[in-house]
């Protein structure tokens, strides 16, 4: 069974997003740059904010959209 542990959101400004979520998550980002910011929470959940304009191929979803990724081993039956 898959155990998702990473959420990736496409945002206009990863630094601004990290600044907004820092007091809500009560955690400091482990990475904070103009292109990408990420939190790793105590339970192991990772939350990343990727600069929407830097994504290749170009993201076509609405603001706040993201991607889901499952490790290859999670997809085996």
C-alpha atoms as a PDB file:
ATOM      1  CA  UNK A   1       0.000   0.000   0.000  1.00  0.00           C
ATOM      2  CA  UNK A   2       1.255   3.488  -0.845  1.00  0.00           C
ATOM      3  CA  UNK A   3       2.113   5.851   1.969  1.00  0.00           C
ATOM      4  CA  UNK A   4       2.128   9.337   0.398  1.00  0.00           C
ATOM      5  CA  UNK A   5       4.501  11.704   2.171  1.00  0.00           C
ATOM      6  CA  UNK A   6       5.133  14.579  -0.237  1.00  0.00           C
ATOM      7  CA  UNK A   7       2.816  17.360  -1.422  1.00  0.00           C
ATOM      8  CA  UNK A   8       4.082  19.666  -4.160  1.00  0.00           C
ATOM      9  CA  UNK A   9       2.213  22.886  -4.903  1.00  0.00           C
ATOM     10  CA  UNK A  10       2.835  25.217  -7.834  1.00  0.00           C
ATOM     11  CA  UNK A  11       2.885  28.820  -6.603  1.00  0.00           C
ATOM     12  CA  UNK A  12       3.751  32.276  -7.900  1.00  0.00           C
ATOM     13  CA  UNK A  13       6.273  33.008  -5.135  1.00  0.00           C
ATOM     14  CA  UNK A  14       7.807  30.150  -3.095  1.00  0.00           C
ATOM     15  CA  UNK A  15       9.401  32.492  -0.541  1.00  0.00           C
ATOM     16  CA  UNK A  16       6.118  34.283   0.095  1.00  0.00           C
ATOM     17  CA  UNK A  17       4.315  30.942   0.381  1.00  0.00           C
ATOM     18  CA  UNK A  18       6.904  29.672   2.881  1.00  0.00           C
ATOM     19  CA  UNK A  19       6.594  32.875   4.905  1.00  0.00           C
ATOM     20  CA  UNK A  20       2.811  32.457   4.972  1.00  0.00           C
ATOM     21  CA  UNK A  21       2.853  28.775   6.020  1.00  0.00           C
ATOM     22  CA  UNK A  22       5.706  28.964   8.557  1.00  0.00           C
ATOM     23  CA  UNK A  23       3.523  30.155  11.478  1.00  0.00           C
ATOM     24  CA  UNK A  24       0.648  27.891  10.442  1.00  0.00           C
ATOM     25  CA  UNK A  25       2.835  24.767  10.290  1.00  0.00           C
ATOM     26  CA  UNK A  26       4.917  25.898  13.288  1.00  0.00           C
ATOM     27  CA  UNK A  27       8.027  24.812  11.377  1.00  0.00           C
ATOM     28  CA  UNK A  28      10.942  26.414   9.564  1.00  0.00           C
ATOM     29  CA  UNK A  29      11.452  25.552   5.903  1.00  0.00           C
ATOM     30  CA  UNK A  30      14.433  23.270   5.211  1.00  0.00           C
ATOM     31  CA  UNK A  31      14.876  25.040   1.890  1.00  0.00           C
ATOM     32  CA  UNK A  32      13.786  28.538   0.922  1.00  0.00           C
ATOM     33  CA  UNK A  33      14.744  30.052  -2.418  1.00  0.00           C
ATOM     34  CA  UNK A  34      13.073  32.071  -5.178  1.00  0.00           C
ATOM     35  CA  UNK A  35      12.432  28.871  -7.166  1.00  0.00           C
ATOM     36  CA  UNK A  36      11.524  26.358  -4.461  1.00  0.00           C
ATOM     37  CA  UNK A  37      10.738  26.125  -0.757  1.00  0.00           C
ATOM     38  CA  UNK A  38      10.077  23.020   1.327  1.00  0.00           C
ATOM     39  CA  UNK A  39       8.968  22.046   4.821  1.00  0.00           C
ATOM     40  CA  UNK A  40       9.575  18.653   6.422  1.00  0.00           C
ATOM     41  CA  UNK A  41       7.111  18.133   9.254  1.00  0.00           C
ATOM     42  CA  UNK A  42       7.678  16.007  12.371  1.00  0.00           C
ATOM     43  CA  UNK A  43       5.675  13.074  11.000  1.00  0.00           C
ATOM     44  CA  UNK A  44       7.794  13.018   7.831  1.00  0.00           C
ATOM     45  CA  UNK A  45       5.340  14.808   5.537  1.00  0.00           C
ATOM     46  CA  UNK A  46       7.124  17.057   3.042  1.00  0.00           C
ATOM     47  CA  UNK A  47       5.383  20.121   1.608  1.00  0.00           C
ATOM     48  CA  UNK A  48       7.070  21.813  -1.334  1.00  0.00           C
ATOM     49  CA  UNK A  49       6.304  25.084  -3.093  1.00  0.00           C
ATOM     50  CA  UNK A  50       7.653  25.190  -6.637  1.00  0.00           C
ATOM     51  CA  UNK A  51       7.692  28.406  -8.665  1.00  0.00           C
ATOM     52  CA  UNK A  52       4.920  27.970 -11.189  1.00  0.00           C
ATOM     53  CA  UNK A  53       6.752  29.818 -13.992  1.00  0.00           C
ATOM     54  CA  UNK A  54       9.788  27.470 -13.727  1.00  0.00           C
ATOM     55  CA  UNK A  55       7.910  24.194 -14.296  1.00  0.00           C
ATOM     56  CA  UNK A  56       8.682  22.284 -17.490  1.00  0.00           C
ATOM     57  CA  UNK A  57       6.496  21.256 -19.159  1.00  0.00           C
ATOM     58  CA  UNK A  58       4.414  24.295 -18.312  1.00  0.00           C
ATOM     59  CA  UNK A  59       1.743  23.722 -15.672  1.00  0.00           C
ATOM     60  CA  UNK A  60      -1.725  24.350 -17.035  1.00  0.00           C
ATOM     61  CA  UNK A  61      -3.792  23.988 -13.859  1.00  0.00           C
ATOM     62  CA  UNK A  62      -5.295  26.809 -11.847  1.00  0.00           C
ATOM     63  CA  UNK A  63      -3.205  28.604  -9.185  1.00  0.00           C
ATOM     64  CA  UNK A  64      -2.536  26.291  -6.274  1.00  0.00           C
ATOM     65  CA  UNK A  65      -2.530  23.191  -8.476  1.00  0.00           C
ATOM     66  CA  UNK A  66       0.085  20.509  -7.974  1.00  0.00           C
ATOM     67  CA  UNK A  67       1.321  17.050  -8.881  1.00  0.00           C
ATOM     68  CA  UNK A  68       0.978  13.630  -7.335  1.00  0.00           C
ATOM     69  CA  UNK A  69       3.916  11.244  -7.423  1.00  0.00           C
ATOM     70  CA  UNK A  70       4.068   7.667  -6.219  1.00  0.00           C
ATOM     71  CA  UNK A  71       7.336   5.780  -5.886  1.00  0.00           C
ATOM     72  CA  UNK A  72       7.725   3.001  -8.416  1.00  0.00           C
ATOM     73  CA  UNK A  73       7.618   0.364  -5.653  1.00  0.00           C
ATOM     74  CA  UNK A  74       4.185   1.666  -4.548  1.00  0.00           C
ATOM     75  CA  UNK A  75       2.782   0.893  -7.988  1.00  0.00           C
ATOM     76  CA  UNK A  76       3.828  -2.778  -8.010  1.00  0.00           C
ATOM     77  CA  UNK A  77       1.167  -5.391  -7.359  1.00  0.00           C
END
